[in-house]
Protein backbone atom coordinates (compact mmCIF):
# COMPACT_ATOMS: atom_id res chain seq x y z
CA UNK A 1 15.88 5.12 -16.08
CA UNK A 2 12.23 4.66 -14.89
CA UNK A 3 11.51 2.11 -12.21
CA UNK A 4 9.11 -0.77 -12.87
CA UNK A 5 6.34 0.76 -10.95
CA UNK A 6 6.67 4.03 -12.90
CA UNK A 7 6.59 2.03 -16.19
CA UNK A 8 3.53 0.03 -15.12
CA UNK A 9 1.46 2.97 -14.25
CA UNK A 10 2.12 5.04 -17.29
CA UNK A 11 -0.86 3.67 -19.10
CA UNK A 12 -2.52 1.32 -16.73
CA UNK A 13 -5.34 3.07 -15.05
CA UNK A 14 -8.44 1.44 -16.65
CA UNK A 15 -6.89 -1.99 -16.32
CA UNK A 16 -5.95 -1.27 -12.82
CA UNK A 17 -9.61 -0.70 -11.97
CA UNK A 18 -10.50 -4.14 -13.27
CA UNK A 19 -7.80 -6.07 -11.32
CA UNK A 20 -9.14 -8.54 -8.67
CA UNK A 21 -7.16 -6.85 -5.90
CA UNK A 22 -8.99 -3.56 -6.35
CA UNK A 23 -12.46 -4.99 -5.80
CA UNK A 24 -12.55 -4.80 -2.05
CA UNK A 25 -13.05 -0.93 -1.69
CA UNK A 26 -16.47 -0.90 0.02
CA UNK A 27 -15.39 -3.28 2.86
CA UNK A 28 -12.12 -1.59 3.25
CA UNK A 29 -13.73 1.78 3.58
CA UNK A 30 -16.20 0.32 6.05
CA UNK A 31 -13.23 -0.60 8.31
CA UNK A 32 -11.61 2.82 7.86
CA UNK A 33 -14.88 4.52 8.85
CA UNK A 34 -15.06 2.24 12.04
CA UNK A 35 -11.59 3.21 12.84
CA UNK A 36 -12.35 6.93 12.88
CA UNK A 37 -15.67 6.44 14.72
CA UNK A 38 -17.61 7.78 11.71
CA UNK A 39 -16.53 11.29 12.54
CA UNK A 40 -17.14 13.28 9.40
CA UNK A 41 -14.84 16.19 10.20
CA UNK A 42 -11.93 13.78 9.98
CA UNK A 43 -9.24 15.06 7.55
CA UNK A 44 -7.88 12.23 5.48
CA UNK A 45 -4.73 11.88 3.18
CA UNK A 46 -4.68 9.03 0.85
CA UNK A 47 -1.03 8.22 -0.22
CA UNK A 48 -0.59 6.19 -3.37
CA UNK A 49 -4.23 6.78 -4.08
CA UNK A 50 -4.02 5.24 -7.46
CA UNK A 51 -7.33 5.87 -9.45
CA UNK A 52 -8.92 7.18 -6.29
CA UNK A 53 -11.05 4.30 -5.38
CA UNK A 54 -10.83 4.70 -1.48
CA UNK A 55 -10.74 8.52 -1.72
CA UNK A 56 -13.95 8.65 -3.86
CA UNK A 57 -15.84 6.16 -1.67
CA UNK A 58 -14.85 7.98 1.55
CA UNK A 59 -15.81 11.32 -0.06
CA UNK A 60 -19.22 9.90 -0.90
CA UNK A 61 -19.54 9.23 2.71
CA UNK A 62 -18.96 12.76 3.73
CA UNK A 63 -15.26 12.81 4.58
CA UNK A 64 -12.74 15.45 3.54
CA UNK A 65 -9.92 13.74 1.72
CA UNK A 66 -6.89 14.56 -0.40
CA UNK A 67 -5.33 11.93 -2.74
CA UNK A 68 -1.81 11.96 -3.99
CA UNK A 69 -0.06 9.47 -6.39
CA UNK A 70 3.19 9.46 -8.36
CA UNK A 71 1.43 8.45 -11.64
CA UNK A 72 0.00 11.24 -13.75
CA UNK A 73 -2.29 8.79 -15.53
CA UNK A 74 -3.61 7.27 -12.32
CA UNK A 75 -4.45 10.80 -11.02
CA UNK A 76 -6.19 11.80 -14.32
CA UNK A 77 -8.29 8.72 -13.97
CA UNK A 78 -9.16 9.59 -10.36
CA UNK A 79 -10.13 13.18 -11.41
CA UNK A 80 -12.23 11.81 -14.22
CA UNK A 81 -14.02 9.30 -11.99
CA UNK A 82 -14.65 11.90 -9.11
CA UNK A 83 -16.10 14.39 -11.62
CA UNK A 84 -18.46 11.65 -13.08
CA UNK A 85 -19.58 11.15 -9.47
CA UNK A 86 -20.06 14.92 -8.98
CA UNK A 87 -17.49 14.99 -6.18
CA UNK A 88 -14.90 17.58 -5.34
CA UNK A 89 -11.70 15.85 -4.39
CA UNK A 90 -8.14 17.34 -4.25
CA UNK A 91 -6.14 14.80 -6.35
CA UNK A 92 -2.60 15.72 -7.41
CA UNK A 93 0.61 14.13 -8.56
CA UNK A 94 3.22 13.99 -5.87
CA UNK A 95 6.05 11.82 -4.78
CA UNK A 96 5.48 10.26 -1.30
CA UNK A 97 9.31 10.46 -0.63
CA UNK A 98 9.08 14.19 -0.99
CA UNK A 99 5.78 15.33 0.75
CA UNK A 100 5.74 18.66 2.62
CA UNK A 101 2.51 18.15 4.77
CA UNK A 102 3.00 18.75 8.34
CA UNK A 103 0.48 18.19 11.15
CA UNK A 104 -2.47 18.58 8.70
CA UNK A 105 -4.45 15.29 8.76
CA UNK A 106 -6.21 13.15 11.41
CA UNK A 107 -5.86 10.00 9.33
CA UNK A 108 -3.36 8.82 6.61
CA UNK A 109 -4.16 5.75 4.59
CA UNK A 110 -1.87 3.79 2.28
CA UNK A 111 -3.84 0.77 0.99
CA UNK A 112 -2.89 -1.94 -1.46
CA UNK A 113 0.82 -1.19 -1.46
CA UNK A 114 0.22 2.56 -1.81
CA UNK A 115 3.72 3.65 -2.42
CA UNK A 116 5.27 1.72 0.62
CA UNK A 117 6.98 -1.43 -0.09
CA UNK A 118 7.42 -0.67 -3.82
CA UNK A 119 10.51 1.62 -3.45
CA UNK A 120 13.91 0.24 -4.51
CA UNK A 121 15.59 0.87 -1.22
CA UNK A 122 14.77 0.63 2.41
CA UNK A 123 15.67 4.23 3.04
CA UNK A 124 13.04 5.29 0.46
CA UNK A 125 10.43 3.12 2.11
CA UNK A 126 11.22 4.63 5.50
CA UNK A 127 11.11 8.15 4.11
CA UNK A 128 7.49 7.53 2.90
CA UNK A 129 6.60 6.36 6.42
CA UNK A 130 8.38 9.41 7.94
CA UNK A 131 6.43 11.71 5.55
CA UNK A 132 3.09 10.05 6.48
CA UNK A 133 3.88 10.49 10.09
CA UNK A 134 4.81 14.05 9.71
CA UNK A 135 1.54 14.73 7.80
CA UNK A 136 -0.51 13.55 10.89
CA UNK A 137 -1.73 15.80 13.59
CA UNK A 138 -0.44 15.04 17.16
CA UNK A 139 -3.18 12.53 17.86
CA UNK A 140 -3.38 11.20 14.25
CA UNK A 141 -3.74 7.65 13.02
CA UNK A 142 -2.00 5.85 10.23
CA UNK A 143 -3.58 2.79 8.44
CA UNK A 144 -1.70 0.96 5.74
CA UNK A 145 -1.11 -2.46 4.15
CA UNK A 146 2.35 -3.84 3.59
CA UNK A 147 3.87 -6.99 2.01
CA UNK A 148 4.13 -9.67 4.81
CA UNK A 149 7.58 -11.26 4.95
CA UNK A 150 6.14 -14.34 6.89
CA UNK A 151 4.43 -15.35 3.70
CA UNK A 152 7.45 -15.81 1.34
CA UNK A 153 9.90 -16.54 4.32
CA UNK A 154 7.85 -19.59 5.38
CA UNK A 155 7.17 -20.83 1.79
CA UNK A 156 10.66 -20.25 0.61
CA UNK A 157 12.19 -22.17 3.42
CA UNK A 158 9.57 -24.97 3.27
CA UNK A 159 10.00 -25.31 -0.62
CA UNK A 160 13.86 -25.10 -0.13
CA UNK A 161 13.85 -28.02 2.21
CA UNK A 162 11.28 -30.02 0.30
CA UNK A 163 13.18 -29.54 -3.09
CA UNK A 164 16.39 -31.02 -1.64
CA UNK A 165 18.22 -27.61 -2.20
CA UNK A 166 20.07 -27.90 1.02
CA UNK A 167 21.69 -31.06 -0.46
CA UNK A 168 22.95 -29.29 -3.53
CA UNK A 169 19.95 -28.77 -5.77
CA UNK A 170 19.34 -25.36 -7.23
CA UNK A 171 16.48 -23.22 -5.84
CA UNK A 172 14.00 -21.49 -8.07
CA UNK A 173 12.90 -18.98 -5.38
CA UNK A 174 12.81 -15.38 -6.21
CA UNK A 175 12.64 -14.21 -2.56
CA UNK A 176 16.01 -13.06 -1.21
CA UNK A 177 16.29 -14.33 2.36
CA UNK A 178 19.06 -11.77 3.07
CA UNK A 179 17.20 -8.66 1.94
CA UNK A 180 13.53 -9.76 2.10
CA UNK A 181 13.13 -8.54 -1.40
CA UNK A 182 11.35 -10.42 -4.11
CA UNK A 183 12.71 -10.10 -7.63
CA UNK A 184 10.25 -11.36 -10.15
CA UNK A 185 8.91 -10.54 -13.74
CA UNK A 186 5.33 -9.27 -13.94
CA UNK A 187 3.67 -9.69 -17.38
CA UNK A 188 0.53 -7.75 -18.26
CA UNK A 189 -1.05 -5.54 -20.84
CA UNK A 190 -1.53 -1.74 -20.58
CA UNK A 191 -4.72 0.05 -21.43
CA UNK A 192 -3.76 0.17 -25.17
CA UNK A 193 -3.28 -3.55 -25.28
CA UNK A 194 0.54 -3.33 -25.37
CA UNK A 195 2.32 -6.25 -23.64
CA UNK A 196 4.43 -5.39 -20.64
CA UNK A 197 7.25 -7.48 -19.06
CA UNK A 198 8.60 -5.81 -15.93
CA UNK A 199 11.27 -6.75 -13.64
CA UNK A 200 9.82 -6.05 -10.18
CA UNK A 201 11.59 -5.52 -6.97
CA UNK A 202 9.32 -5.44 -3.86
CA UNK A 203 10.24 -5.27 -0.22
CA UNK A 204 8.43 -7.62 2.20
CA UNK A 205 8.50 -6.55 5.90
CA UNK A 206 8.34 -8.70 9.01
CA UNK A 207 5.88 -7.51 11.68
CA UNK A 208 8.66 -6.70 14.12
CA UNK A 209 10.38 -4.56 11.52
CA UNK A 210 7.26 -2.49 10.86
CA UNK A 211 6.62 -2.08 14.67
CA UNK A 212 10.20 -0.83 15.20
CA UNK A 213 10.11 1.58 12.26
CA UNK A 214 6.68 3.15 13.50
CA UNK A 215 7.89 3.32 17.08
CA UNK A 216 11.05 5.08 16.02
CA UNK A 217 8.67 7.75 14.40
CA UNK A 218 6.81 8.35 17.64
CA UNK A 219 3.86 6.03 17.31
CA UNK A 220 3.01 4.50 20.76
CA UNK A 221 0.39 1.88 19.65
CA UNK A 222 1.04 -0.47 16.67
CA UNK A 223 -1.35 -3.27 15.86
CA UNK A 224 -0.81 -5.64 13.02
CA UNK A 225 -3.32 -8.05 11.42
CA UNK A 226 -3.86 -10.02 8.34
CA UNK A 227 -5.16 -8.05 5.44
CA UNK A 228 -8.08 -9.86 3.78
CA UNK A 229 -9.28 -8.30 0.54
CA UNK A 230 -12.34 -6.10 1.36
CA UNK A 231 -12.67 -7.60 4.85
CA UNK A 232 -10.16 -5.70 7.00
CA UNK A 233 -10.69 -6.67 10.64
CA UNK A 234 -9.10 -6.39 14.03
CA UNK A 235 -10.09 -10.12 14.59
CA UNK A 236 -7.80 -11.54 11.79
CA UNK A 237 -4.50 -12.58 13.36
CA UNK A 238 -1.58 -12.33 10.89
CA UNK A 239 -0.35 -15.72 9.74
CA UNK A 240 2.02 -17.15 7.23
CA UNK A 241 -0.72 -17.45 4.76
CA UNK A 242 -1.45 -13.65 4.61
CA UNK A 243 0.29 -12.05 1.58
CA UNK A 244 -0.28 -8.62 3.10
CA UNK A 245 -0.48 -7.29 6.58
CA UNK A 246 -2.82 -4.59 7.90
CA UNK A 247 -1.12 -1.99 10.09
CA UNK A 248 -2.83 0.42 12.45
CA UNK A 249 -0.54 2.95 14.09
CA UNK A 250 -1.56 5.64 16.69
CA UNK A 251 0.41 8.17 18.68
């Protein structure tokens, strides 16, 4: 049986490019460039590249980049867009849980829930981080965004208390305080206009969890900030109002 994220991206590449959360590409690439000191020889791997928006923009700026995604249609769209732009980029279908790269890249990016956080088990999410780490050269850097558990944790507890649920009322929260997973129904339309109703299961992470996972993989410096759409910055302190966190890890 296909997972919800596989069903969603079967025929959702054009609609995906129109979503509001995909409109911050330029600013996000500005931040990535700054993080690699504008060194054009930087070798970059884009995990969960989707329709290639970050890969294409970074290639335009002169960087060598490879993009991988689990979805065939997303990759096809990425290839189509890169050809239209006259760019040569190696896009291919691949499962981030089963990558075989080893010490090949200076930078790995996973932006906008690029694979990480979407998997149905914590072990799978960890395997993605492990493979991203393995793909990096000894002095490599990892930049990714992840769902911020502080957001639903704070709001779930606040709403729970305000609703009187602690006195016996039922709670409508979809966020599981024991697993940090949010179980919800996502309704949208695919590129053909077919209505989709998908039962989503996403994992939110506490900053301390992310730091521990990355340090267990050999990263010595882990910095975490709030992830503002199109405005990534090291000056944005992570708060309970940030839906996503921006993570920068270095060896």
